[in-house]
Amino acid sequence: MRDALKRKIIKICDEKIESKGDSVGLSFYAFFANKNDDPELLMEAAKWWILENKLDHFEKAAKIKRMVEATL
């Protein structure tokens, strides 16, 4: 997964945790607008989430943040 997407994921996770608390969950769709304006990037996130890590549809933002930070 490209570094720009990793940084975006970490930023979104931080924002969600700050606004909703440590137990907030999210899906990979949380990193994108409600329109499909970058399908390649969306598929890159989906591949990492679903195929590489076999994550559930919703996961804790803190868990996702830790996983992504470990790959930087």
N, C-alpha and C. Protein backbone atom coordinates (compact mmCIF):
# COMPACT_ATOMS: atom_id res chain seq x y z
N MET A 1 0.85 -1.17 0.00
CA MET A 1 0.00 0.00 0.00
C MET A 1 0.90 1.23 0.00
N ARG A 2 0.56 2.17 -0.84
CA ARG A 2 1.41 3.37 -0.97
C ARG A 2 1.40 4.22 0.31
N ASP A 3 2.52 4.90 0.55
CA ASP A 3 2.69 5.69 1.78
C ASP A 3 1.65 6.79 1.93
N ALA A 4 1.24 7.41 0.83
CA ALA A 4 0.23 8.47 0.93
C ALA A 4 -1.08 7.92 1.49
N LEU A 5 -1.46 6.72 1.10
CA LEU A 5 -2.68 6.10 1.62
C LEU A 5 -2.49 5.74 3.09
N LYS A 6 -1.32 5.24 3.44
CA LYS A 6 -1.05 4.91 4.84
C LYS A 6 -1.18 6.15 5.72
N ARG A 7 -0.62 7.26 5.27
CA ARG A 7 -0.72 8.50 6.06
C ARG A 7 -2.17 8.97 6.18
N LYS A 8 -2.92 8.82 5.11
CA LYS A 8 -4.33 9.21 5.13
C LYS A 8 -5.10 8.34 6.11
N ILE A 9 -4.84 7.04 6.11
CA ILE A 9 -5.51 6.12 7.03
C ILE A 9 -5.22 6.50 8.47
N ILE A 10 -3.95 6.76 8.78
CA ILE A 10 -3.57 7.14 10.14
C ILE A 10 -4.27 8.44 10.54
N LYS A 11 -4.31 9.41 9.64
CA LYS A 11 -4.97 10.69 9.93
C LYS A 11 -6.46 10.49 10.22
N ILE A 12 -7.14 9.72 9.40
CA ILE A 12 -8.57 9.46 9.59
C ILE A 12 -8.80 8.71 10.90
N CYS A 13 -7.98 7.72 11.18
CA CYS A 13 -8.09 6.98 12.44
C CYS A 13 -7.93 7.92 13.63
N ASP A 14 -6.93 8.80 13.59
CA ASP A 14 -6.73 9.78 14.66
C ASP A 14 -7.96 10.66 14.84
N GLU A 15 -8.53 11.13 13.74
CA GLU A 15 -9.71 11.99 13.80
C GLU A 15 -10.90 11.25 14.41
N LYS A 16 -11.12 10.02 13.99
CA LYS A 16 -12.25 9.23 14.51
C LYS A 16 -12.07 8.94 15.99
N ILE A 17 -10.85 8.58 16.40
CA ILE A 17 -10.58 8.29 17.80
C ILE A 17 -10.78 9.55 18.64
N GLU A 18 -10.29 10.68 18.14
CA GLU A 18 -10.42 11.95 18.86
C GLU A 18 -11.89 12.33 19.05
N SER A 19 -12.70 12.14 18.01
CA SER A 19 -14.09 12.59 18.09
C SER A 19 -15.03 11.58 18.75
N LYS A 20 -14.71 10.27 18.66
CA LYS A 20 -15.65 9.27 19.15
C LYS A 20 -15.10 8.33 20.21
N GLY A 21 -13.81 8.45 20.52
CA GLY A 21 -13.22 7.62 21.56
C GLY A 21 -12.46 6.41 21.03
N ASP A 22 -11.75 5.76 21.94
CA ASP A 22 -10.87 4.65 21.60
C ASP A 22 -11.58 3.43 21.03
N SER A 23 -12.85 3.28 21.32
CA SER A 23 -13.55 2.06 20.88
C SER A 23 -14.26 2.23 19.53
N VAL A 24 -14.04 3.35 18.86
CA VAL A 24 -14.72 3.59 17.58
C VAL A 24 -14.27 2.59 16.53
N GLY A 25 -15.24 2.10 15.78
CA GLY A 25 -14.94 1.18 14.69
C GLY A 25 -15.12 1.88 13.35
N LEU A 26 -14.50 1.32 12.33
CA LEU A 26 -14.65 1.86 10.99
C LEU A 26 -14.39 0.78 9.96
N SER A 27 -14.78 1.07 8.73
CA SER A 27 -14.48 0.19 7.61
C SER A 27 -13.51 0.92 6.69
N PHE A 28 -13.00 0.23 5.69
CA PHE A 28 -12.05 0.90 4.79
C PHE A 28 -12.73 2.00 3.98
N TYR A 29 -14.04 1.98 3.91
CA TYR A 29 -14.76 3.06 3.21
C TYR A 29 -14.60 4.40 3.93
N ALA A 30 -14.26 4.38 5.20
CA ALA A 30 -14.10 5.63 5.97
C ALA A 30 -12.99 6.51 5.42
N PHE A 31 -12.12 5.96 4.62
CA PHE A 31 -10.98 6.71 4.09
C PHE A 31 -11.26 7.36 2.75
N PHE A 32 -12.52 7.26 2.30
CA PHE A 32 -12.89 7.76 0.98
C PHE A 32 -14.18 8.56 1.04
N ALA A 33 -14.37 9.43 0.06
CA ALA A 33 -15.62 10.17 -0.08
C ALA A 33 -16.73 9.21 -0.48
N ASN A 34 -17.95 9.66 -0.39
CA ASN A 34 -19.08 8.80 -0.74
C ASN A 34 -19.27 8.64 -2.25
N LYS A 35 -18.29 9.07 -3.01
CA LYS A 35 -18.35 8.84 -4.44
C LYS A 35 -17.06 8.14 -4.86
N ASN A 36 -17.14 7.39 -5.88
CA ASN A 36 -16.01 6.59 -6.34
C ASN A 36 -15.14 7.41 -7.30
N ASP A 37 -14.39 8.36 -6.73
CA ASP A 37 -13.58 9.25 -7.57
C ASP A 37 -12.15 8.76 -7.76
N ASP A 38 -11.76 7.70 -7.04
CA ASP A 38 -10.42 7.12 -7.21
C ASP A 38 -10.52 5.60 -7.02
N PRO A 39 -11.07 4.90 -8.00
CA PRO A 39 -11.29 3.46 -7.84
C PRO A 39 -10.02 2.65 -7.60
N GLU A 40 -8.90 3.05 -8.16
CA GLU A 40 -7.65 2.31 -7.95
C GLU A 40 -7.21 2.39 -6.50
N LEU A 41 -7.31 3.57 -5.90
CA LEU A 41 -6.93 3.74 -4.50
C LEU A 41 -7.89 2.98 -3.59
N LEU A 42 -9.17 3.03 -3.91
CA LEU A 42 -10.16 2.29 -3.14
C LEU A 42 -9.87 0.79 -3.18
N MET A 43 -9.53 0.27 -4.35
CA MET A 43 -9.21 -1.15 -4.46
C MET A 43 -7.92 -1.50 -3.74
N GLU A 44 -6.98 -0.58 -3.72
CA GLU A 44 -5.73 -0.81 -2.98
C GLU A 44 -6.03 -0.97 -1.49
N ALA A 45 -6.89 -0.11 -0.95
CA ALA A 45 -7.27 -0.20 0.46
C ALA A 45 -8.07 -1.48 0.71
N ALA A 46 -8.99 -1.80 -0.20
CA ALA A 46 -9.81 -3.01 -0.04
C ALA A 46 -8.94 -4.26 -0.07
N LYS A 47 -7.98 -4.31 -0.96
CA LYS A 47 -7.08 -5.47 -1.04
C LYS A 47 -6.30 -5.64 0.26
N TRP A 48 -5.76 -4.54 0.79
CA TRP A 48 -5.02 -4.61 2.05
C TRP A 48 -5.93 -5.08 3.17
N TRP A 49 -7.14 -4.52 3.25
CA TRP A 49 -8.09 -4.79 4.32
C TRP A 49 -8.63 -6.23 4.25
N ILE A 50 -9.10 -6.61 3.06
CA ILE A 50 -9.83 -7.87 2.91
C ILE A 50 -8.92 -9.04 2.57
N LEU A 51 -8.12 -8.89 1.54
CA LEU A 51 -7.32 -10.03 1.08
C LEU A 51 -6.06 -10.26 1.90
N GLU A 52 -5.31 -9.19 2.17
CA GLU A 52 -4.04 -9.36 2.87
C GLU A 52 -4.20 -9.59 4.36
N ASN A 53 -5.15 -8.89 4.99
CA ASN A 53 -5.29 -8.96 6.45
C ASN A 53 -6.54 -9.68 6.93
N LYS A 54 -7.46 -9.99 6.00
CA LYS A 54 -8.68 -10.73 6.33
C LYS A 54 -9.43 -10.11 7.50
N LEU A 55 -9.56 -8.79 7.46
CA LEU A 55 -10.24 -8.06 8.52
C LEU A 55 -11.75 -8.12 8.32
N ASP A 56 -12.49 -7.97 9.41
CA ASP A 56 -13.94 -7.88 9.34
C ASP A 56 -14.33 -6.56 8.70
N HIS A 57 -15.61 -6.44 8.36
CA HIS A 57 -16.08 -5.20 7.72
C HIS A 57 -15.78 -3.99 8.61
N PHE A 58 -16.08 -4.09 9.90
CA PHE A 58 -15.76 -3.02 10.85
C PHE A 58 -14.68 -3.49 11.80
N GLU A 59 -13.69 -2.63 12.00
CA GLU A 59 -12.59 -2.90 12.94
C GLU A 59 -12.36 -1.64 13.77
N LYS A 60 -11.73 -1.79 14.90
CA LYS A 60 -11.41 -0.65 15.76
C LYS A 60 -10.38 0.23 15.05
N ALA A 61 -10.61 1.53 15.08
CA ALA A 61 -9.69 2.48 14.45
C ALA A 61 -8.30 2.37 15.05
N ALA A 62 -8.22 2.16 16.36
CA ALA A 62 -6.91 2.05 17.02
C ALA A 62 -6.13 0.85 16.49
N LYS A 63 -6.81 -0.26 16.24
CA LYS A 63 -6.16 -1.46 15.69
C LYS A 63 -5.63 -1.18 14.29
N ILE A 64 -6.44 -0.56 13.45
CA ILE A 64 -6.03 -0.25 12.08
C ILE A 64 -4.84 0.69 12.09
N LYS A 65 -4.90 1.71 12.94
CA LYS A 65 -3.79 2.66 13.04
C LYS A 65 -2.48 1.95 13.40
N ARG A 66 -2.54 1.07 14.40
CA ARG A 66 -1.32 0.32 14.81
C ARG A 66 -0.79 -0.54 13.66
N MET A 67 -1.70 -1.20 12.96
CA MET A 67 -1.28 -2.07 11.85
C MET A 67 -0.58 -1.27 10.76
N VAL A 68 -1.16 -0.11 10.41
CA VAL A 68 -0.59 0.71 9.33
C VAL A 68 0.73 1.33 9.78
N GLU A 69 0.78 1.82 11.02
CA GLU A 69 2.03 2.42 11.51
C GLU A 69 3.17 1.41 11.49
N ALA A 70 2.87 0.15 11.72
CA ALA A 70 3.90 -0.89 11.72
C ALA A 70 4.51 -1.10 10.34
N THR A 71 3.84 -0.63 9.30
CA THR A 71 4.34 -0.83 7.93
C THR A 71 5.04 0.41 7.37
N LEU A 72 5.08 1.48 8.14
CA LEU A 72 5.76 2.70 7.64
C LEU A 72 7.25 2.60 7.81
